[in-house]
């Protein structure tokens, strides 16, 4: 049995959803027999590797004051899950290379390492003001979860795993996944959004029993 999680590195709800999902898995004592795989989704495919102003971008799209309205609630929700959201330092950047790295992590070291890298990417972006489009930053984060940082640098210098990222994005469209996070169970059942931990416990318990 497999759980595919469509997510974006710069999606605050995805970070929240991961923390709640992880808490549920811990409460269940693990998900033996279930493979968890993170899949690519891009909320802002027009963002570039060159950092831009996140507040300006959001308010250009949703109107004046939108940035504060959207982030205020998330700061409170994040605190409950041990997340220190720092939207004041978050950058508008492309997540293509981060997704390529995440896809490579799964191929190189499997689900657990991939999940650990996703966690570090979220922490770097939302809590540390990290530039997750910067190759040096990405290679360092890869090394922090036990991957070969030099191999990560070589990967990022080319376009390896770009096809895998494009395939994930296309697969999301095929499954009518238009928002993230989205937790897809065995390609049949979708858990949308950052559900509360108790909901995850109930749903994942059923998944584990079936596995």
N, C-alpha and C. Protein backbone atom coordinates (compact mmCIF):
# COMPACT_ATOMS: atom_id res chain seq x y z
N UNK A 1 0.85 -1.19 0.00
CA UNK A 1 0.00 0.00 0.00
C UNK A 1 0.88 1.24 0.00
N UNK A 2 0.40 2.31 -0.66
CA UNK A 2 1.22 3.52 -0.82
C UNK A 2 0.39 4.77 -0.53
N UNK A 3 1.07 5.74 0.08
CA UNK A 3 0.48 7.07 0.25
C UNK A 3 1.37 8.04 -0.51
N UNK A 4 0.81 8.67 -1.54
CA UNK A 4 1.51 9.71 -2.29
C UNK A 4 1.05 11.06 -1.76
N UNK A 5 2.02 11.92 -1.41
CA UNK A 5 1.68 13.23 -0.87
C UNK A 5 2.13 14.30 -1.85
N UNK A 6 1.16 14.97 -2.47
CA UNK A 6 1.49 16.09 -3.35
C UNK A 6 1.63 17.34 -2.49
N UNK A 7 2.74 18.04 -2.70
CA UNK A 7 3.12 19.13 -1.80
C UNK A 7 4.07 20.08 -2.52
N UNK A 8 4.17 21.30 -2.00
CA UNK A 8 5.17 22.24 -2.49
C UNK A 8 5.99 22.74 -1.31
N UNK A 9 7.27 22.93 -1.55
CA UNK A 9 8.21 23.33 -0.51
C UNK A 9 7.83 24.67 0.11
N UNK A 10 7.18 25.55 -0.65
CA UNK A 10 6.84 26.89 -0.16
C UNK A 10 5.37 27.00 0.24
N UNK A 11 4.74 25.87 0.47
CA UNK A 11 3.32 25.84 0.87
C UNK A 11 3.23 25.71 2.39
N UNK A 12 2.77 26.74 3.08
CA UNK A 12 2.71 26.67 4.55
C UNK A 12 1.74 25.60 5.06
N UNK A 13 0.65 25.39 4.33
CA UNK A 13 -0.30 24.36 4.72
C UNK A 13 0.30 22.97 4.58
N UNK A 14 1.22 22.83 3.63
CA UNK A 14 1.89 21.54 3.44
C UNK A 14 2.80 21.23 4.62
N UNK A 15 3.51 22.24 5.12
CA UNK A 15 4.35 22.05 6.31
C UNK A 15 3.48 21.67 7.50
N UNK A 16 2.38 22.38 7.67
CA UNK A 16 1.46 22.08 8.76
C UNK A 16 0.91 20.66 8.61
N UNK A 17 0.52 20.32 7.38
CA UNK A 17 -0.02 18.98 7.12
C UNK A 17 1.00 17.90 7.40
N UNK A 18 2.27 18.14 7.07
CA UNK A 18 3.31 17.14 7.33
C UNK A 18 3.48 16.92 8.83
N UNK A 19 3.52 18.00 9.59
CA UNK A 19 3.68 17.85 11.04
C UNK A 19 2.51 17.07 11.64
N UNK A 20 1.31 17.35 11.18
CA UNK A 20 0.14 16.64 11.71
C UNK A 20 0.13 15.18 11.27
N UNK A 21 0.50 14.96 10.01
CA UNK A 21 0.60 13.60 9.48
C UNK A 21 1.64 12.81 10.28
N UNK A 22 2.80 13.40 10.50
CA UNK A 22 3.86 12.72 11.25
C UNK A 22 3.43 12.42 12.68
N UNK A 23 2.71 13.36 13.29
CA UNK A 23 2.22 13.14 14.65
C UNK A 23 1.25 11.96 14.70
N UNK A 24 0.41 11.88 13.67
CA UNK A 24 -0.55 10.77 13.60
C UNK A 24 0.17 9.44 13.43
N UNK A 25 1.17 9.42 12.56
CA UNK A 25 1.94 8.18 12.34
C UNK A 25 2.62 7.75 13.63
N UNK A 26 3.17 8.71 14.37
CA UNK A 26 3.83 8.40 15.65
C UNK A 26 2.83 7.83 16.64
N UNK A 27 1.65 8.42 16.70
CA UNK A 27 0.63 7.92 17.63
C UNK A 27 0.18 6.52 17.28
N UNK A 28 0.23 6.19 15.99
CA UNK A 28 -0.17 4.86 15.54
C UNK A 28 0.95 3.84 15.68
N UNK A 29 2.13 4.32 16.06
CA UNK A 29 3.26 3.41 16.19
C UNK A 29 3.86 3.01 14.86
N UNK A 30 3.68 3.84 13.84
CA UNK A 30 4.24 3.56 12.52
C UNK A 30 3.18 3.08 11.54
N UNK A 31 3.60 2.95 10.30
CA UNK A 31 2.71 2.47 9.23
C UNK A 31 3.40 1.33 8.49
N UNK A 32 3.60 0.23 9.19
CA UNK A 32 4.26 -0.92 8.58
C UNK A 32 3.49 -1.38 7.34
N UNK A 33 4.24 -1.61 6.27
CA UNK A 33 3.61 -2.09 5.04
C UNK A 33 3.08 -0.99 4.15
N UNK A 34 3.27 0.27 4.58
CA UNK A 34 2.78 1.41 3.80
C UNK A 34 3.98 2.26 3.36
N UNK A 35 4.12 2.47 2.06
CA UNK A 35 5.18 3.35 1.55
C UNK A 35 4.63 4.76 1.42
N UNK A 36 5.36 5.72 1.95
CA UNK A 36 4.98 7.13 1.85
C UNK A 36 5.94 7.80 0.87
N UNK A 37 5.38 8.47 -0.14
CA UNK A 37 6.24 9.14 -1.13
C UNK A 37 5.75 10.55 -1.38
N UNK A 38 6.69 11.50 -1.34
CA UNK A 38 6.39 12.90 -1.58
C UNK A 38 6.47 13.21 -3.07
N UNK A 39 5.45 13.90 -3.59
CA UNK A 39 5.35 14.22 -5.00
C UNK A 39 5.36 15.74 -5.21
N UNK A 40 5.82 16.14 -6.37
CA UNK A 40 6.00 17.57 -6.66
C UNK A 40 4.70 18.25 -7.09
N UNK A 41 4.55 19.48 -6.62
CA UNK A 41 3.46 20.38 -7.01
C UNK A 41 4.04 21.78 -6.92
N UNK A 42 3.71 22.64 -7.87
CA UNK A 42 4.22 24.02 -7.83
C UNK A 42 3.06 25.01 -7.74
N UNK A 43 3.00 25.69 -6.60
CA UNK A 43 1.97 26.71 -6.42
C UNK A 43 2.23 27.93 -7.30
N UNK A 44 3.50 28.23 -7.54
CA UNK A 44 3.87 29.42 -8.31
C UNK A 44 4.94 29.03 -9.34
N UNK A 45 4.52 28.40 -10.44
CA UNK A 45 5.51 27.94 -11.43
C UNK A 45 6.21 29.08 -12.15
N UNK A 46 5.74 30.31 -11.99
CA UNK A 46 6.40 31.45 -12.65
C UNK A 46 7.52 32.04 -11.80
N UNK A 47 7.64 31.61 -10.55
CA UNK A 47 8.72 32.11 -9.70
C UNK A 47 10.07 31.69 -10.27
N UNK A 48 11.08 32.50 -10.04
CA UNK A 48 12.41 32.25 -10.61
C UNK A 48 13.39 31.84 -9.51
N UNK A 49 14.57 31.43 -9.94
CA UNK A 49 15.62 31.09 -8.97
C UNK A 49 16.11 32.34 -8.23
N UNK A 50 15.97 33.48 -8.87
CA UNK A 50 16.35 34.74 -8.23
C UNK A 50 15.28 35.14 -7.22
N UNK A 51 15.63 35.31 -5.94
CA UNK A 51 14.63 35.60 -4.92
C UNK A 51 13.84 36.88 -5.20
N UNK A 52 12.54 36.81 -4.92
CA UNK A 52 11.67 37.96 -5.06
C UNK A 52 10.96 38.23 -3.74
N UNK A 53 10.17 39.29 -3.71
CA UNK A 53 9.45 39.71 -2.51
C UNK A 53 8.13 38.96 -2.41
N UNK A 54 7.99 38.11 -1.39
CA UNK A 54 6.80 37.29 -1.25
C UNK A 54 5.56 38.12 -0.95
N UNK A 55 5.69 39.09 -0.05
CA UNK A 55 4.55 39.93 0.29
C UNK A 55 4.01 40.65 -0.95
N UNK A 56 4.90 41.24 -1.72
CA UNK A 56 4.49 41.97 -2.91
C UNK A 56 3.78 41.06 -3.90
N UNK A 57 4.30 39.85 -4.05
CA UNK A 57 3.71 38.90 -4.98
C UNK A 57 2.30 38.50 -4.56
N UNK A 58 2.12 38.20 -3.27
CA UNK A 58 0.81 37.78 -2.79
C UNK A 58 -0.20 38.92 -2.86
N UNK A 59 0.23 40.11 -2.52
CA UNK A 59 -0.72 41.23 -2.53
C UNK A 59 -1.03 41.68 -3.96
N UNK A 60 -0.12 41.45 -4.89
CA UNK A 60 -0.42 41.74 -6.30
C UNK A 60 -1.49 40.79 -6.82
N UNK A 61 -1.49 39.57 -6.28
CA UNK A 61 -2.44 38.55 -6.74
C UNK A 61 -3.78 38.65 -6.01
N UNK A 62 -3.74 38.89 -4.69
CA UNK A 62 -4.96 38.82 -3.88
C UNK A 62 -5.43 40.16 -3.32
N UNK A 63 -4.63 41.21 -3.48
CA UNK A 63 -5.04 42.52 -3.03
C UNK A 63 -4.32 42.98 -1.77
N UNK A 64 -4.36 44.29 -1.51
CA UNK A 64 -3.68 44.86 -0.33
C UNK A 64 -4.17 44.21 0.97
N UNK A 65 -3.24 43.92 1.85
CA UNK A 65 -3.58 43.33 3.13
C UNK A 65 -3.69 41.81 3.12
N UNK A 66 -3.65 41.22 1.93
CA UNK A 66 -3.83 39.78 1.83
C UNK A 66 -2.74 39.00 2.53
N UNK A 67 -1.52 39.50 2.45
CA UNK A 67 -0.39 38.79 3.05
C UNK A 67 -0.60 38.62 4.55
N UNK A 68 -0.94 39.70 5.24
CA UNK A 68 -1.13 39.61 6.69
C UNK A 68 -2.33 38.75 7.05
N UNK A 69 -3.40 38.85 6.29
CA UNK A 69 -4.58 38.03 6.55
C UNK A 69 -4.26 36.55 6.41
N UNK A 70 -3.52 36.21 5.37
CA UNK A 70 -3.24 34.81 5.08
C UNK A 70 -2.23 34.21 6.07
N UNK A 71 -1.30 35.01 6.54
CA UNK A 71 -0.24 34.46 7.39
C UNK A 71 -0.56 34.49 8.88
N UNK A 72 -1.42 35.40 9.31
CA UNK A 72 -1.70 35.55 10.74
C UNK A 72 -2.24 34.25 11.33
N UNK A 73 -3.21 33.64 10.68
CA UNK A 73 -3.81 32.41 11.19
C UNK A 73 -2.79 31.27 11.17
N UNK A 74 -1.97 31.22 10.13
CA UNK A 74 -1.00 30.14 10.02
C UNK A 74 0.04 30.20 11.13
N UNK A 75 0.42 31.39 11.53
CA UNK A 75 1.40 31.52 12.62
C UNK A 75 0.86 30.86 13.89
N UNK A 76 -0.41 31.08 14.19
CA UNK A 76 -1.02 30.49 15.38
C UNK A 76 -1.15 28.98 15.25
N UNK A 77 -1.60 28.52 14.10
CA UNK A 77 -1.75 27.08 13.88
C UNK A 77 -0.39 26.38 13.91
N UNK A 78 0.60 27.02 13.33
CA UNK A 78 1.93 26.44 13.31
C UNK A 78 2.51 26.27 14.69
N UNK A 79 2.28 27.25 15.54
CA UNK A 79 2.82 27.18 16.90
C UNK A 79 2.33 25.94 17.63
N UNK A 80 1.09 25.55 17.37
CA UNK A 80 0.54 24.36 18.00
C UNK A 80 1.25 23.09 17.56
N UNK A 81 1.91 23.13 16.39
CA UNK A 81 2.61 21.96 15.86
C UNK A 81 4.13 22.10 15.97
N UNK A 82 4.58 23.11 16.72
CA UNK A 82 6.01 23.30 16.89
C UNK A 82 6.67 23.99 15.71
N UNK A 83 5.89 24.67 14.87
CA UNK A 83 6.43 25.39 13.71
C UNK A 83 6.53 26.87 14.04
N UNK A 84 7.68 27.44 13.80
CA UNK A 84 7.89 28.88 14.01
C UNK A 84 7.89 29.56 12.64
N UNK A 85 6.70 29.79 12.11
CA UNK A 85 6.60 30.43 10.80
C UNK A 85 7.20 31.83 10.86
N UNK A 86 8.12 32.11 9.91
CA UNK A 86 8.73 33.43 9.79
C UNK A 86 8.44 33.96 8.38
N UNK A 87 7.21 34.38 8.17
CA UNK A 87 6.83 34.85 6.85
C UNK A 87 7.54 36.15 6.48
N UNK A 88 8.05 36.85 7.49
CA UNK A 88 8.76 38.10 7.21
C UNK A 88 10.08 37.86 6.48
N UNK A 89 10.62 36.64 6.58
CA UNK A 89 11.89 36.34 5.91
C UNK A 89 11.72 35.39 4.73
N UNK A 90 10.50 34.90 4.50
CA UNK A 90 10.28 33.96 3.40
C UNK A 90 10.42 34.66 2.05
N UNK A 91 11.00 33.95 1.09
CA UNK A 91 11.29 34.51 -0.23
C UNK A 91 10.39 33.88 -1.29
N UNK A 92 10.16 34.64 -2.34
CA UNK A 92 9.47 34.08 -3.50
C UNK A 92 10.53 33.51 -4.44
N UNK A 93 10.60 32.18 -4.52
CA UNK A 93 11.60 31.54 -5.37
C UNK A 93 10.99 30.30 -6.03
N UNK A 94 11.64 29.87 -7.10
CA UNK A 94 11.25 28.64 -7.78
C UNK A 94 11.52 27.44 -6.89
N UNK A 95 10.64 26.44 -6.97
CA UNK A 95 10.86 25.21 -6.20
C UNK A 95 11.23 24.03 -7.10
N UNK A 96 11.48 24.29 -8.36
CA UNK A 96 11.80 23.21 -9.29
C UNK A 96 13.00 22.40 -8.82
N UNK A 97 14.10 23.07 -8.48
CA UNK A 97 15.30 22.35 -8.08
C UNK A 97 15.10 21.61 -6.76
N UNK A 98 14.37 22.20 -5.85
CA UNK A 98 14.07 21.51 -4.59
C UNK A 98 13.29 20.23 -4.86
N UNK A 99 12.34 20.29 -5.77
CA UNK A 99 11.56 19.10 -6.12
C UNK A 99 12.43 18.05 -6.81
N UNK A 100 13.36 18.51 -7.65
CA UNK A 100 14.27 17.55 -8.29
C UNK A 100 15.08 16.82 -7.22
N UNK A 101 15.52 17.56 -6.22
CA UNK A 101 16.31 16.98 -5.14
C UNK A 101 15.49 15.98 -4.33
N UNK A 102 14.24 16.32 -4.06
CA UNK A 102 13.36 15.43 -3.30
C UNK A 102 13.11 14.13 -4.06
N UNK A 103 12.91 14.24 -5.36
CA UNK A 103 12.71 13.05 -6.19
C UNK A 103 13.96 12.17 -6.19
N UNK A 104 15.11 12.81 -6.31
CA UNK A 104 16.39 12.08 -6.27
C UNK A 104 16.58 11.39 -4.92
N UNK A 105 16.21 12.07 -3.84
CA UNK A 105 16.37 11.50 -2.50
C UNK A 105 15.63 10.18 -2.37
N UNK A 106 14.44 10.12 -2.95
CA UNK A 106 13.68 8.87 -2.88
C UNK A 106 14.38 7.78 -3.67
N UNK A 107 14.86 8.11 -4.85
CA UNK A 107 15.56 7.12 -5.67
C UNK A 107 16.84 6.64 -5.01
N UNK A 108 17.54 7.55 -4.33
CA UNK A 108 18.82 7.22 -3.71
C UNK A 108 18.68 6.47 -2.40
N UNK A 109 17.72 6.89 -1.58
CA UNK A 109 17.72 6.39 -0.20
C UNK A 109 16.35 6.00 0.34
N UNK A 110 15.30 6.12 -0.45
CA UNK A 110 14.00 5.65 -0.01
C UNK A 110 13.14 6.66 0.71
N UNK A 111 12.03 6.17 1.21
CA UNK A 111 10.97 7.02 1.74
C UNK A 111 11.37 7.81 2.99
N UNK A 112 12.05 7.14 3.93
CA UNK A 112 12.37 7.81 5.19
C UNK A 112 13.30 8.99 4.97
N UNK A 113 14.32 8.80 4.15
CA UNK A 113 15.25 9.90 3.87
C UNK A 113 14.56 10.99 3.07
N UNK A 114 13.71 10.62 2.14
CA UNK A 114 12.98 11.63 1.38
C UNK A 114 12.13 12.48 2.31
N UNK A 115 11.43 11.83 3.23
CA UNK A 115 10.61 12.57 4.18
C UNK A 115 11.43 13.48 5.07
N UNK A 116 12.60 13.02 5.48
CA UNK A 116 13.49 13.85 6.30
C UNK A 116 13.96 15.08 5.53
N UNK A 117 14.25 14.90 4.25
CA UNK A 117 14.67 16.04 3.42
C UNK A 117 13.54 17.04 3.26
N UNK A 118 12.34 16.56 3.03
CA UNK A 118 11.18 17.45 2.92
C UNK A 118 11.03 18.29 4.18
N UNK A 119 11.18 17.65 5.33
CA UNK A 119 11.10 18.36 6.61
C UNK A 119 12.15 19.46 6.69
N UNK A 120 13.38 19.15 6.31
CA UNK A 120 14.46 20.14 6.38
C UNK A 120 14.23 21.28 5.39
N UNK A 121 13.68 20.99 4.24
CA UNK A 121 13.36 22.04 3.27
C UNK A 121 12.30 22.98 3.83
N UNK A 122 11.26 22.41 4.44
CA UNK A 122 10.23 23.24 5.06
C UNK A 122 10.84 24.12 6.16
N UNK A 123 11.65 23.53 7.02
CA UNK A 123 12.24 24.27 8.12
C UNK A 123 13.14 25.40 7.61
N UNK A 124 13.93 25.08 6.60
CA UNK A 124 14.83 26.09 6.05
C UNK A 124 14.04 27.26 5.47
N UNK A 125 12.98 26.96 4.74
CA UNK A 125 12.23 28.00 4.07
C UNK A 125 11.39 28.83 5.04
N UNK A 126 10.64 28.16 5.89
CA UNK A 126 9.67 28.86 6.72
C UNK A 126 10.22 29.37 8.05
N UNK A 127 11.26 28.74 8.57
CA UNK A 127 11.76 29.14 9.89
C UNK A 127 13.10 29.86 9.84
N UNK A 128 13.85 29.68 8.75
CA UNK A 128 15.21 30.22 8.70
C UNK A 128 15.43 31.21 7.56
N UNK A 129 14.40 31.50 6.78
CA UNK A 129 14.56 32.43 5.67
C UNK A 129 15.48 31.91 4.59
N UNK A 130 15.58 30.59 4.47
CA UNK A 130 16.49 29.98 3.50
C UNK A 130 16.01 30.12 2.07
N UNK A 131 16.97 30.21 1.17
CA UNK A 131 16.67 30.27 -0.27
C UNK A 131 16.69 28.85 -0.81
N UNK A 132 15.52 28.25 -0.98
CA UNK A 132 15.44 26.86 -1.41
C UNK A 132 15.57 26.72 -2.93
N UNK A 133 15.99 27.80 -3.59
CA UNK A 133 16.36 27.71 -5.00
C UNK A 133 17.88 27.78 -5.17
N UNK A 134 18.58 27.99 -4.07
CA UNK A 134 20.03 28.13 -4.11
C UNK A 134 20.69 26.75 -4.06
N UNK A 135 21.52 26.40 -5.06
CA UNK A 135 22.13 25.07 -5.09
C UNK A 135 22.95 24.73 -3.86
N UNK A 136 23.70 25.69 -3.34
CA UNK A 136 24.52 25.41 -2.16
C UNK A 136 23.64 25.09 -0.94
N UNK A 137 22.56 25.84 -0.79
CA UNK A 137 21.63 25.57 0.31
C UNK A 137 21.01 24.19 0.17
N UNK A 138 20.59 23.86 -1.03
CA UNK A 138 19.96 22.56 -1.27
C UNK A 138 20.93 21.41 -1.02
N UNK A 139 22.17 21.56 -1.48
CA UNK A 139 23.16 20.51 -1.27
C UNK A 139 23.45 20.33 0.22
N UNK A 140 23.52 21.45 0.94
CA UNK A 140 23.76 21.37 2.39
C UNK A 140 22.62 20.63 3.08
N UNK A 141 21.39 20.91 2.70
CA UNK A 141 20.24 20.25 3.31
C UNK A 141 20.23 18.76 2.98
N UNK A 142 20.63 18.43 1.76
CA UNK A 142 20.73 17.02 1.39
C UNK A 142 21.74 16.32 2.29
N UNK A 143 22.88 16.95 2.50
CA UNK A 143 23.90 16.38 3.37
C UNK A 143 23.43 16.22 4.80
N UNK A 144 22.57 17.12 5.25
CA UNK A 144 22.12 17.10 6.64
C UNK A 144 21.24 15.88 6.96
N UNK A 145 20.69 15.23 5.92
CA UNK A 145 19.86 14.04 6.15
C UNK A 145 20.58 12.77 5.70
N UNK A 146 21.89 12.88 5.49
CA UNK A 146 22.68 11.70 5.19
C UNK A 146 22.92 11.42 3.72
N UNK A 147 22.44 12.28 2.84
CA UNK A 147 22.70 12.13 1.42
C UNK A 147 24.07 12.70 1.09
N UNK A 148 24.59 12.35 -0.07
CA UNK A 148 25.90 12.82 -0.51
C UNK A 148 25.76 14.25 -1.04
N UNK A 149 26.28 15.22 -0.29
CA UNK A 149 26.13 16.63 -0.68
C UNK A 149 26.80 16.92 -2.01
N UNK A 150 27.94 16.29 -2.26
CA UNK A 150 28.64 16.52 -3.53
C UNK A 150 27.83 15.97 -4.70
N UNK A 151 27.23 14.80 -4.51
CA UNK A 151 26.38 14.23 -5.56
C UNK A 151 25.15 15.11 -5.78
N UNK A 152 24.63 15.68 -4.69
CA UNK A 152 23.49 16.59 -4.82
C UNK A 152 23.87 17.82 -5.63
N UNK A 153 25.07 18.36 -5.39
CA UNK A 153 25.54 19.52 -6.15
C UNK A 153 25.64 19.20 -7.63
N UNK A 154 26.16 18.03 -7.95
CA UNK A 154 26.28 17.61 -9.35
C UNK A 154 24.90 17.47 -9.99
N UNK A 155 23.98 16.90 -9.26
CA UNK A 155 22.60 16.77 -9.75
C UNK A 155 22.00 18.14 -10.06
N UNK A 156 22.17 19.07 -9.14
CA UNK A 156 21.55 20.39 -9.27
C UNK A 156 22.18 21.21 -10.39
N UNK A 157 23.41 20.88 -10.76
CA UNK A 157 24.09 21.61 -11.84
C UNK A 157 23.52 21.27 -13.21
N UNK A 158 22.79 20.16 -13.30
CA UNK A 158 22.17 19.76 -14.56
C UNK A 158 20.67 19.83 -14.48
N UNK A 159 20.00 18.95 -15.22
CA UNK A 159 18.53 18.95 -15.20
C UNK A 159 17.96 17.58 -14.85
N UNK A 160 18.77 16.75 -14.21
CA UNK A 160 18.31 15.42 -13.81
C UNK A 160 17.08 15.52 -12.91
N UNK A 161 16.18 14.60 -13.11
CA UNK A 161 14.93 14.47 -12.36
C UNK A 161 13.91 15.57 -12.68
N UNK A 162 14.20 16.40 -13.66
CA UNK A 162 13.19 17.38 -14.09
C UNK A 162 11.99 16.67 -14.71
N UNK A 163 12.25 15.58 -15.42
CA UNK A 163 11.14 14.82 -16.02
C UNK A 163 10.26 14.20 -14.94
N UNK A 164 10.89 13.73 -13.86
CA UNK A 164 10.11 13.16 -12.77
C UNK A 164 9.22 14.21 -12.11
N UNK A 165 9.75 15.41 -11.97
CA UNK A 165 8.96 16.50 -11.40
C UNK A 165 7.78 16.83 -12.31
N UNK A 166 8.05 16.93 -13.60
CA UNK A 166 6.98 17.21 -14.57
C UNK A 166 5.93 16.10 -14.55
N UNK A 167 6.37 14.87 -14.37
CA UNK A 167 5.45 13.74 -14.31
C UNK A 167 4.56 13.82 -13.08
N UNK A 168 5.15 14.20 -11.94
CA UNK A 168 4.36 14.36 -10.72
C UNK A 168 3.29 15.44 -10.90
N UNK A 169 3.66 16.55 -11.51
CA UNK A 169 2.73 17.66 -11.70
C UNK A 169 1.61 17.25 -12.65
N UNK A 170 1.95 16.52 -13.70
CA UNK A 170 0.94 16.02 -14.62
C UNK A 170 0.01 15.02 -13.93
N UNK A 171 0.60 14.17 -13.09
CA UNK A 171 -0.20 13.18 -12.37
C UNK A 171 -1.19 13.85 -11.42
N UNK A 172 -0.79 14.98 -10.83
CA UNK A 172 -1.71 15.73 -9.97
C UNK A 172 -2.91 16.20 -10.78
N UNK A 173 -2.66 16.74 -11.97
CA UNK A 173 -3.77 17.19 -12.82
C UNK A 173 -4.69 16.04 -13.18
N UNK A 174 -4.11 14.90 -13.50
CA UNK A 174 -4.91 13.72 -13.87
C UNK A 174 -5.81 13.27 -12.74
N UNK A 175 -5.40 13.52 -11.52
CA UNK A 175 -6.16 13.11 -10.34
C UNK A 175 -7.01 14.25 -9.77
N UNK A 176 -7.08 15.34 -10.53
CA UNK A 176 -7.86 16.52 -10.11
C UNK A 176 -7.35 17.10 -8.79
N UNK A 177 -6.06 16.96 -8.53
CA UNK A 177 -5.45 17.60 -7.38
C UNK A 177 -5.09 19.02 -7.78
N UNK A 178 -5.85 19.98 -7.28
CA UNK A 178 -5.63 21.38 -7.64
C UNK A 178 -5.11 22.20 -6.46
N UNK A 179 -5.07 21.60 -5.28
CA UNK A 179 -4.55 22.27 -4.10
C UNK A 179 -3.75 21.29 -3.26
N UNK A 180 -2.83 21.81 -2.50
CA UNK A 180 -1.98 20.94 -1.67
C UNK A 180 -1.95 21.45 -0.23
N UNK A 181 -1.67 20.53 0.71
CA UNK A 181 -1.27 19.15 0.49
C UNK A 181 -2.44 18.26 0.10
N UNK A 182 -2.13 17.17 -0.60
CA UNK A 182 -3.12 16.16 -0.95
C UNK A 182 -2.49 14.79 -0.70
N UNK A 183 -3.12 14.00 0.12
CA UNK A 183 -2.64 12.68 0.50
C UNK A 183 -3.47 11.65 -0.24
N UNK A 184 -2.85 10.95 -1.18
CA UNK A 184 -3.58 10.03 -2.06
C UNK A 184 -3.25 8.60 -1.66
N UNK A 185 -4.27 7.85 -1.26
CA UNK A 185 -4.10 6.49 -0.77
C UNK A 185 -4.30 5.49 -1.89
N UNK A 186 -3.25 4.76 -2.21
CA UNK A 186 -3.32 3.72 -3.24
C UNK A 186 -3.99 4.19 -4.52
N UNK A 187 -3.78 5.47 -4.84
CA UNK A 187 -4.31 6.05 -6.07
C UNK A 187 -5.84 5.95 -6.17
N UNK A 188 -6.50 5.87 -5.01
CA UNK A 188 -7.95 5.71 -5.02
C UNK A 188 -8.66 6.73 -4.13
N UNK A 189 -8.11 6.96 -2.96
CA UNK A 189 -8.79 7.79 -1.96
C UNK A 189 -7.91 8.99 -1.63
N UNK A 190 -8.50 10.19 -1.59
CA UNK A 190 -7.74 11.41 -1.36
C UNK A 190 -8.12 12.03 -0.01
N UNK A 191 -7.10 12.33 0.80
CA UNK A 191 -7.29 13.13 2.01
C UNK A 191 -6.80 14.53 1.67
N UNK A 192 -7.71 15.49 1.51
CA UNK A 192 -7.27 16.83 1.08
C UNK A 192 -6.90 17.72 2.26
N UNK A 193 -5.87 18.53 2.07
CA UNK A 193 -5.55 19.56 3.03
C UNK A 193 -4.84 19.10 4.28
N UNK A 194 -4.54 20.08 5.14
CA UNK A 194 -3.84 19.82 6.41
C UNK A 194 -4.86 19.45 7.47
N UNK A 195 -5.35 18.23 7.43
CA UNK A 195 -6.34 17.76 8.39
C UNK A 195 -5.76 17.80 9.80
N UNK A 196 -6.63 17.87 10.80
CA UNK A 196 -6.13 17.83 12.17
C UNK A 196 -5.58 16.43 12.47
N UNK A 197 -4.74 16.34 13.47
CA UNK A 197 -4.05 15.09 13.77
C UNK A 197 -5.02 13.95 14.05
N UNK A 198 -6.09 14.23 14.76
CA UNK A 198 -7.04 13.17 15.10
C UNK A 198 -7.68 12.57 13.85
N UNK A 199 -7.98 13.42 12.88
CA UNK A 199 -8.54 12.92 11.62
C UNK A 199 -7.53 12.03 10.92
N UNK A 200 -6.27 12.46 10.89
CA UNK A 200 -5.22 11.63 10.30
C UNK A 200 -5.11 10.29 11.03
N UNK A 201 -5.17 10.31 12.34
CA UNK A 201 -5.07 9.06 13.11
C UNK A 201 -6.18 8.10 12.70
N UNK A 202 -7.39 8.60 12.60
CA UNK A 202 -8.51 7.74 12.24
C UNK A 202 -8.37 7.18 10.83
N UNK A 203 -8.02 8.04 9.89
CA UNK A 203 -7.93 7.61 8.50
C UNK A 203 -6.72 6.71 8.26
N UNK A 204 -5.58 7.10 8.83
CA UNK A 204 -4.38 6.30 8.62
C UNK A 204 -4.46 4.96 9.35
N UNK A 205 -5.19 4.93 10.46
CA UNK A 205 -5.39 3.65 11.14
C UNK A 205 -6.10 2.66 10.24
N UNK A 206 -7.06 3.14 9.48
CA UNK A 206 -7.77 2.27 8.54
C UNK A 206 -6.85 1.83 7.41
N UNK A 207 -6.00 2.76 6.96
CA UNK A 207 -5.04 2.42 5.90
C UNK A 207 -4.09 1.33 6.40
N UNK A 208 -3.57 1.51 7.62
CA UNK A 208 -2.65 0.53 8.19
C UNK A 208 -3.30 -0.85 8.33
N UNK A 209 -4.54 -0.86 8.76
CA UNK A 209 -5.24 -2.15 8.93
C UNK A 209 -5.41 -2.86 7.61
N UNK A 210 -5.67 -2.10 6.56
CA UNK A 210 -5.82 -2.70 5.22
C UNK A 210 -4.49 -3.22 4.71
N UNK A 211 -3.38 -2.51 5.07
CA UNK A 211 -2.06 -2.93 4.60
C UNK A 211 -1.63 -4.25 5.27
